[in-house]
Amino acid sequence: MQGDGIKIYDLTSFTLLDFPDTPAAILWLAGCNMRCPYCHNPDIVYGKNEKDFNAVVQFLKKRRGLLEGVVISGGEPTIHKDIETICATIKDLGYKIKLDTNGSLPQVLEQLLAKDLLDFIAIDFKAPKSKFLAITKSKSYENLIESLHLLNRYRIPYQVRTTVHTDLLDERDIEEIIALLEQIGYTKTYYIQNFINLGKTLLPLPEQKRKLLQNFKASFPIAYRNF
């Protein structure tokens, strides 16, 4: 079987919220190459892929006709050494795939796109260049920009989103991100997500002293989540 020996972190059997207009399951892959303090998935970031992917394959075989898609999330899925095989196996079962990614590995993204293994991508624009390293502990800002250009070239449906804790990002930072997105020709909806404290984050964070203002102007639609 194609998935023999592959391990994953976990599976969420059903969602109507994570893949636009598509009833889906969520496949979680452990590990991440960023360390964003507001991350709600520390167990996944620091966890191990110990569950058998073949169990996922058997589950998806039984759910054909009930589910239409699979969200591959994490962590950062593109660091998983078997990501291409995972996607190919899921596509062979007849499912659409949405990938959640931080855009740090454009070379992996291009491999998946070139083989037509992805149907939708959500890409997290963590911070403007001036704050990117401080927030993510990663030097992959230019890789993110390369990934955005790549998505435009392939013309795949995708969305860009930014999670905001106002101790970390402010209105000027969001304006800088908007300006960059306009510069690269982004035309889809930009999602600005208010940080919600669910009690467990990668690093301790205080409650926000205020919420971000919601009066941004852009050449593309802006949607506000959790405000």
Foldseek 3Di string as FASTA:
>chain_A
DLQPPDFADDKALWDPPPDDPWTEIETEHAAAPWQFFLAPPLCRNPDHRDHRCVVVLVSLLVCVVPGAAYEYYTRALLVRPCSLSSLVSNVVSRHAYEYEHQQQCLVSVVVCLVVVSHQEYEHEPEWPPVCVCVRTVDPRNVSNVVNVLVCVVSVHHYEYEYEDQPVRDAPVGVVRVQVSCVVSPNAEEYEYEYRDCPPDTSHDDDHRPDTYDDDDDHNHHYHYHPD
